[in-house]
Every structure is written in C-alpha cells, then in structure tokens.
N, C-alpha and C. Protein backbone atom coordinates (compact mmCIF):
# COMPACT_ATOMS: atom_id res chain seq x y z
N MET A 1 20.98 -144.00 -96.97
CA MET A 1 20.20 -142.96 -96.31
C MET A 1 21.09 -141.72 -96.24
N SER A 2 20.52 -140.61 -96.64
CA SER A 2 21.31 -139.37 -96.65
C SER A 2 21.64 -138.92 -95.23
N GLY A 3 22.69 -138.11 -95.13
CA GLY A 3 23.09 -137.59 -93.84
C GLY A 3 22.01 -136.77 -93.17
N ARG A 4 21.29 -135.99 -93.98
CA ARG A 4 20.23 -135.14 -93.42
C ARG A 4 19.09 -135.99 -92.85
N VAL A 5 18.71 -137.06 -93.56
CA VAL A 5 17.66 -137.95 -93.05
C VAL A 5 18.13 -138.62 -91.77
N SER A 6 19.39 -139.03 -91.72
CA SER A 6 19.94 -139.64 -90.50
C SER A 6 19.86 -138.67 -89.33
N GLU A 7 20.18 -137.40 -89.59
CA GLU A 7 20.09 -136.38 -88.53
C GLU A 7 18.65 -136.21 -88.07
N LEU A 8 17.72 -136.15 -89.01
CA LEU A 8 16.31 -135.99 -88.66
C LEU A 8 15.80 -137.19 -87.86
N LEU A 9 16.20 -138.39 -88.25
CA LEU A 9 15.81 -139.58 -87.49
C LEU A 9 16.36 -139.53 -86.08
N ALA A 10 17.61 -139.13 -85.92
CA ALA A 10 18.20 -139.03 -84.59
C ALA A 10 17.43 -138.01 -83.74
N GLU A 11 17.05 -136.88 -84.35
CA GLU A 11 16.25 -135.88 -83.63
C GLU A 11 14.90 -136.44 -83.22
N LYS A 12 14.27 -137.23 -84.09
CA LYS A 12 12.95 -137.79 -83.78
C LYS A 12 13.06 -138.88 -82.71
N ILE A 13 14.15 -139.64 -82.71
CA ILE A 13 14.35 -140.63 -81.65
C ILE A 13 14.49 -139.90 -80.31
N THR A 14 15.23 -138.80 -80.30
CA THR A 14 15.37 -138.00 -79.09
C THR A 14 14.02 -137.45 -78.65
N LEU A 15 13.22 -136.97 -79.60
CA LEU A 15 11.88 -136.47 -79.27
C LEU A 15 11.02 -137.58 -78.67
N ALA A 16 11.07 -138.75 -79.28
CA ALA A 16 10.29 -139.89 -78.76
C ALA A 16 10.71 -140.21 -77.33
N GLU A 17 12.00 -140.15 -77.06
CA GLU A 17 12.49 -140.43 -75.71
C GLU A 17 12.05 -139.34 -74.72
N LYS A 18 11.96 -138.11 -75.17
CA LYS A 18 11.44 -137.04 -74.30
C LYS A 18 9.99 -137.31 -73.94
N PHE A 19 9.22 -137.80 -74.91
CA PHE A 19 7.83 -138.15 -74.62
C PHE A 19 7.75 -139.36 -73.68
N LEU A 20 8.65 -140.31 -73.83
CA LEU A 20 8.67 -141.44 -72.89
C LEU A 20 8.89 -140.93 -71.47
N GLN A 21 9.84 -140.00 -71.31
CA GLN A 21 10.09 -139.41 -69.99
C GLN A 21 8.85 -138.68 -69.49
N LYS A 22 8.23 -137.92 -70.36
CA LYS A 22 7.03 -137.16 -69.99
C LYS A 22 5.95 -138.08 -69.43
N TYR A 23 5.88 -139.30 -69.95
CA TYR A 23 4.84 -140.24 -69.51
C TYR A 23 5.36 -141.29 -68.54
N GLY A 24 6.45 -140.97 -67.85
CA GLY A 24 6.86 -141.76 -66.70
C GLY A 24 7.98 -142.76 -66.91
N ALA A 25 8.57 -142.82 -68.08
CA ALA A 25 9.67 -143.77 -68.30
C ALA A 25 10.96 -143.21 -67.71
N GLU A 26 11.79 -144.10 -67.21
CA GLU A 26 13.09 -143.71 -66.67
C GLU A 26 14.19 -144.40 -67.46
N LEU A 27 15.25 -143.66 -67.75
CA LEU A 27 16.40 -144.21 -68.45
C LEU A 27 17.12 -145.17 -67.50
N VAL A 28 17.32 -146.42 -67.95
CA VAL A 28 17.97 -147.41 -67.09
C VAL A 28 19.24 -147.99 -67.69
N GLY A 29 19.60 -147.57 -68.89
CA GLY A 29 20.82 -148.09 -69.50
C GLY A 29 20.78 -147.97 -71.01
N ALA A 30 21.59 -148.78 -71.65
CA ALA A 30 21.66 -148.79 -73.10
C ALA A 30 22.06 -150.18 -73.57
N THR A 31 21.69 -150.49 -74.78
CA THR A 31 22.10 -151.73 -75.41
C THR A 31 22.81 -151.39 -76.71
N GLU A 32 23.70 -152.26 -77.13
CA GLU A 32 24.39 -152.06 -78.41
C GLU A 32 24.07 -153.26 -79.29
N GLU A 33 23.69 -152.97 -80.53
CA GLU A 33 23.33 -154.03 -81.45
C GLU A 33 23.97 -153.79 -82.81
N LEU A 34 24.11 -154.86 -83.56
CA LEU A 34 24.58 -154.77 -84.93
C LEU A 34 23.35 -154.76 -85.83
N GLU A 35 23.19 -153.70 -86.61
CA GLU A 35 22.06 -153.59 -87.53
C GLU A 35 22.55 -153.72 -88.96
N ALA A 36 21.75 -154.37 -89.78
CA ALA A 36 22.08 -154.56 -91.19
C ALA A 36 21.11 -153.74 -92.03
N PHE A 37 21.64 -153.15 -93.08
CA PHE A 37 20.84 -152.34 -94.00
C PHE A 37 21.19 -152.71 -95.43
N VAL A 38 20.22 -152.57 -96.31
CA VAL A 38 20.46 -152.73 -97.74
C VAL A 38 20.05 -151.43 -98.41
N HIS A 39 21.00 -150.82 -99.12
CA HIS A 39 20.71 -149.60 -99.87
C HIS A 39 19.85 -149.92 -101.08
N THR A 40 19.21 -148.90 -101.62
CA THR A 40 18.39 -149.09 -102.82
C THR A 40 19.22 -149.58 -103.99
N ASP A 41 20.53 -149.33 -104.00
CA ASP A 41 21.39 -149.81 -105.08
C ASP A 41 21.85 -151.26 -104.84
N GLY A 42 21.35 -151.88 -103.76
CA GLY A 42 21.67 -153.27 -103.47
C GLY A 42 22.87 -153.46 -102.56
N ALA A 43 23.58 -152.39 -102.24
CA ALA A 43 24.74 -152.50 -101.35
C ALA A 43 24.28 -152.85 -99.93
N PHE A 44 24.99 -153.77 -99.32
CA PHE A 44 24.68 -154.23 -97.96
C PHE A 44 25.72 -153.66 -97.00
N PHE A 45 25.25 -153.17 -95.85
CA PHE A 45 26.22 -152.73 -94.84
C PHE A 45 25.65 -152.97 -93.45
N GLN A 46 26.53 -152.98 -92.49
CA GLN A 46 26.16 -153.16 -91.09
C GLN A 46 26.78 -152.05 -90.27
N GLU A 47 26.12 -151.73 -89.18
CA GLU A 47 26.68 -150.75 -88.25
C GLU A 47 26.23 -151.09 -86.85
N LYS A 48 27.09 -150.74 -85.88
CA LYS A 48 26.70 -150.90 -84.48
C LYS A 48 25.92 -149.67 -84.07
N VAL A 49 24.81 -149.90 -83.41
CA VAL A 49 23.99 -148.79 -82.93
C VAL A 49 23.71 -148.99 -81.45
N GLU A 50 23.67 -147.88 -80.75
CA GLU A 50 23.32 -147.90 -79.33
C GLU A 50 21.88 -147.46 -79.19
N LYS A 51 21.12 -148.23 -78.44
CA LYS A 51 19.73 -147.89 -78.16
C LYS A 51 19.62 -147.67 -76.66
N ARG A 52 19.09 -146.51 -76.28
CA ARG A 52 18.88 -146.25 -74.87
C ARG A 52 17.70 -147.10 -74.38
N LEU A 53 17.82 -147.57 -73.16
CA LEU A 53 16.85 -148.47 -72.57
C LEU A 53 16.06 -147.74 -71.50
N TRP A 54 14.75 -147.76 -71.65
CA TRP A 54 13.83 -147.06 -70.75
C TRP A 54 12.97 -148.08 -70.03
N LYS A 55 12.53 -147.73 -68.82
CA LYS A 55 11.61 -148.59 -68.07
C LYS A 55 10.41 -147.76 -67.65
N ARG A 56 9.24 -148.31 -67.94
CA ARG A 56 7.98 -147.67 -67.55
C ARG A 56 7.07 -148.77 -67.05
N GLY A 57 6.75 -148.72 -65.75
CA GLY A 57 5.99 -149.81 -65.16
C GLY A 57 6.80 -151.10 -65.25
N GLU A 58 6.20 -152.13 -65.83
CA GLU A 58 6.88 -153.41 -65.99
C GLU A 58 7.56 -153.54 -67.36
N ASP A 59 7.41 -152.53 -68.20
CA ASP A 59 7.93 -152.61 -69.57
C ASP A 59 9.31 -151.97 -69.71
N TYR A 60 10.16 -152.64 -70.46
CA TYR A 60 11.41 -152.05 -70.94
C TYR A 60 11.13 -151.59 -72.38
N ILE A 61 11.60 -150.40 -72.71
CA ILE A 61 11.25 -149.80 -73.99
C ILE A 61 12.51 -149.25 -74.65
N ARG A 62 12.62 -149.47 -75.96
CA ARG A 62 13.66 -148.86 -76.76
C ARG A 62 12.98 -148.17 -77.95
N VAL A 63 13.62 -147.12 -78.45
CA VAL A 63 13.13 -146.43 -79.64
C VAL A 63 14.06 -146.79 -80.78
N ASP A 64 13.47 -147.17 -81.91
CA ASP A 64 14.28 -147.58 -83.05
C ASP A 64 13.71 -146.97 -84.33
N LYS A 65 14.46 -147.13 -85.41
CA LYS A 65 14.02 -146.67 -86.71
C LYS A 65 13.85 -147.90 -87.61
N MET A 66 12.96 -147.78 -88.57
CA MET A 66 12.77 -148.82 -89.57
C MET A 66 12.76 -148.13 -90.93
N LEU A 67 13.40 -148.76 -91.89
CA LEU A 67 13.48 -148.17 -93.22
C LEU A 67 12.59 -148.96 -94.17
N PHE A 68 11.58 -148.30 -94.69
CA PHE A 68 10.67 -148.90 -95.65
C PHE A 68 10.79 -148.17 -96.98
N SER A 69 10.22 -148.75 -98.02
CA SER A 69 10.26 -148.09 -99.33
C SER A 69 9.55 -146.74 -99.28
N LYS A 70 8.56 -146.59 -98.39
CA LYS A 70 7.85 -145.31 -98.24
C LYS A 70 8.67 -144.29 -97.46
N GLY A 71 9.77 -144.72 -96.88
CA GLY A 71 10.62 -143.83 -96.10
C GLY A 71 10.86 -144.37 -94.71
N PRO A 72 11.58 -143.60 -93.90
CA PRO A 72 11.90 -144.03 -92.53
C PRO A 72 10.68 -143.93 -91.61
N PHE A 73 10.63 -144.85 -90.67
CA PHE A 73 9.59 -144.88 -89.65
C PHE A 73 10.26 -144.99 -88.30
N ILE A 74 9.53 -144.60 -87.26
CA ILE A 74 9.95 -144.77 -85.86
C ILE A 74 9.11 -145.89 -85.27
N VAL A 75 9.73 -146.68 -84.40
CA VAL A 75 9.00 -147.77 -83.74
C VAL A 75 9.47 -147.87 -82.29
N LEU A 76 8.53 -148.13 -81.40
CA LEU A 76 8.86 -148.44 -80.01
C LEU A 76 8.94 -149.96 -79.90
N GLU A 77 9.95 -150.42 -79.18
CA GLU A 77 10.14 -151.84 -78.94
C GLU A 77 9.92 -152.10 -77.46
N PHE A 78 9.17 -153.15 -77.14
CA PHE A 78 8.80 -153.45 -75.76
C PHE A 78 9.26 -154.85 -75.36
N SER A 79 9.65 -154.99 -74.08
CA SER A 79 9.99 -156.29 -73.51
C SER A 79 9.71 -156.25 -72.02
N ASP A 80 9.54 -157.42 -71.43
CA ASP A 80 9.39 -157.47 -69.97
C ASP A 80 10.73 -157.75 -69.30
N ARG A 81 11.81 -157.86 -70.11
CA ARG A 81 13.16 -158.06 -69.58
C ARG A 81 14.12 -157.13 -70.31
N PRO A 82 15.11 -156.60 -69.63
CA PRO A 82 16.03 -155.67 -70.29
C PRO A 82 16.80 -156.31 -71.44
N GLU A 83 17.07 -157.60 -71.35
CA GLU A 83 17.84 -158.27 -72.41
C GLU A 83 16.95 -158.73 -73.57
N GLY A 84 15.64 -158.53 -73.45
CA GLY A 84 14.73 -158.90 -74.53
C GLY A 84 14.23 -160.32 -74.35
N PRO A 85 13.56 -160.83 -75.34
CA PRO A 85 13.38 -160.30 -76.69
C PRO A 85 12.41 -159.12 -76.70
N TYR A 86 12.57 -158.28 -77.71
CA TYR A 86 11.73 -157.09 -77.87
C TYR A 86 10.72 -157.29 -79.00
N GLU A 87 9.52 -156.80 -78.75
CA GLU A 87 8.47 -156.84 -79.76
C GLU A 87 8.18 -155.42 -80.19
N ASP A 88 8.04 -155.25 -81.50
CA ASP A 88 7.77 -153.92 -82.04
C ASP A 88 6.30 -153.56 -81.93
N ALA A 89 6.06 -152.31 -81.58
CA ALA A 89 4.71 -151.75 -81.72
C ALA A 89 4.56 -151.37 -83.19
N ASP A 90 3.42 -150.85 -83.58
CA ASP A 90 3.24 -150.43 -84.97
C ASP A 90 4.15 -149.25 -85.28
N PRO A 91 4.94 -149.33 -86.34
CA PRO A 91 5.79 -148.21 -86.73
C PRO A 91 4.95 -147.05 -87.27
N PHE A 92 5.48 -145.85 -87.15
CA PHE A 92 4.79 -144.67 -87.67
C PHE A 92 5.81 -143.75 -88.34
N PRO A 93 5.36 -142.95 -89.32
CA PRO A 93 6.30 -142.08 -90.05
C PRO A 93 7.04 -141.13 -89.11
N TYR A 94 8.31 -140.96 -89.38
CA TYR A 94 9.14 -140.10 -88.53
C TYR A 94 8.82 -138.63 -88.71
N ASP A 95 8.21 -138.27 -89.86
CA ASP A 95 8.02 -136.86 -90.18
C ASP A 95 6.62 -136.34 -89.86
N LEU A 96 5.93 -137.00 -88.94
CA LEU A 96 4.62 -136.51 -88.51
C LEU A 96 4.78 -135.18 -87.78
N PRO A 97 3.74 -134.33 -87.82
CA PRO A 97 3.77 -133.13 -86.96
C PRO A 97 3.90 -133.56 -85.49
N VAL A 98 4.47 -132.69 -84.67
CA VAL A 98 4.78 -133.05 -83.28
C VAL A 98 3.56 -133.56 -82.52
N ASP A 99 2.38 -132.95 -82.69
CA ASP A 99 1.21 -133.41 -81.95
C ASP A 99 0.80 -134.82 -82.37
N GLU A 100 0.89 -135.15 -83.66
CA GLU A 100 0.57 -136.49 -84.13
C GLU A 100 1.64 -137.49 -83.69
N PHE A 101 2.88 -137.05 -83.69
CA PHE A 101 4.00 -137.89 -83.23
C PHE A 101 3.78 -138.27 -81.77
N GLU A 102 3.43 -137.27 -80.94
CA GLU A 102 3.16 -137.55 -79.53
C GLU A 102 1.96 -138.47 -79.36
N ALA A 103 0.93 -138.29 -80.19
CA ALA A 103 -0.25 -139.16 -80.12
C ALA A 103 0.13 -140.61 -80.41
N GLU A 104 1.05 -140.83 -81.35
CA GLU A 104 1.52 -142.20 -81.64
C GLU A 104 2.23 -142.80 -80.42
N ILE A 105 3.06 -142.00 -79.77
CA ILE A 105 3.76 -142.47 -78.56
C ILE A 105 2.74 -142.82 -77.48
N ARG A 106 1.79 -141.94 -77.26
CA ARG A 106 0.74 -142.18 -76.25
C ARG A 106 -0.03 -143.47 -76.56
N PHE A 107 -0.36 -143.67 -77.83
CA PHE A 107 -1.09 -144.88 -78.22
C PHE A 107 -0.25 -146.12 -77.94
N ASP A 108 1.03 -146.10 -78.32
CA ASP A 108 1.89 -147.26 -78.10
C ASP A 108 2.06 -147.54 -76.61
N LEU A 109 2.03 -146.52 -75.78
CA LEU A 109 2.15 -146.71 -74.33
C LEU A 109 0.84 -147.13 -73.69
N GLY A 110 -0.22 -147.19 -74.47
CA GLY A 110 -1.53 -147.61 -73.95
C GLY A 110 -2.25 -146.52 -73.20
N LEU A 111 -1.86 -145.26 -73.45
CA LEU A 111 -2.49 -144.15 -72.74
C LEU A 111 -3.76 -143.67 -73.43
N ASP A 112 -3.88 -143.93 -74.72
CA ASP A 112 -5.06 -143.53 -75.48
C ASP A 112 -5.69 -144.78 -76.08
N PRO A 113 -7.03 -144.84 -76.06
CA PRO A 113 -7.70 -145.99 -76.65
C PRO A 113 -7.53 -146.01 -78.17
N ALA A 114 -7.70 -147.17 -78.74
CA ALA A 114 -7.57 -147.33 -80.20
C ALA A 114 -8.63 -146.56 -80.95
C-alpha cells in the first residue's frame, strides 16, 4: 500500500471517529493488535497497529481498514466487551464523499433504517 493511501486511510479513520463522537461515542482506551498483510507481489508482512476504543451505549466500537482487490475499505467493529471478540459491520469504500461516508457510519450505528 502506498504511503499516500496509508495517509488517506488514517485521515478517514480519524473522520469516522469524529462521527462516532458526534453520535455519542466516548473514547475509553486503545487496543494494540498484530495485523498481517499480503502485498500484490505476494510479499507477506505484519505490523502492530493501535485501534482506539470507543463506547456508545452498550457497544464497544473500533474503526479499522480492510484491503480488498477493489481497494481499501473502512469497517466498524462492534463488541459488547472491550476485550472482544469484535464483529465487523459491512465495510464501505474509504473514498466516499463525506456525506455518504457519514451515512455509512450512521447506518452501522443503527441510526438510519436499511
């Protein structure tokens, strides 16, 4: 993944977290995980990533990225316990316009009907 795409993903994760705050989530901590990636050239690598942990109502929420052949996606992960396990909501493209990006967050939070 190019450096510019990594920067854009980090910006979108921050935006998603701002929307979580807007809709009542509170930052309660962070978790650190080892993530594995495979480059298109077949090279395998791992990196430690920190995910901020949010609480909204009874849900613990983390924002993560997923890499698909169509490109990077953003996904909200939900659990009823801070230590997990976490279940992914439906991922959505990271490069959506801001209003559509916010609509995806609202949908995942159950604020908008399907």
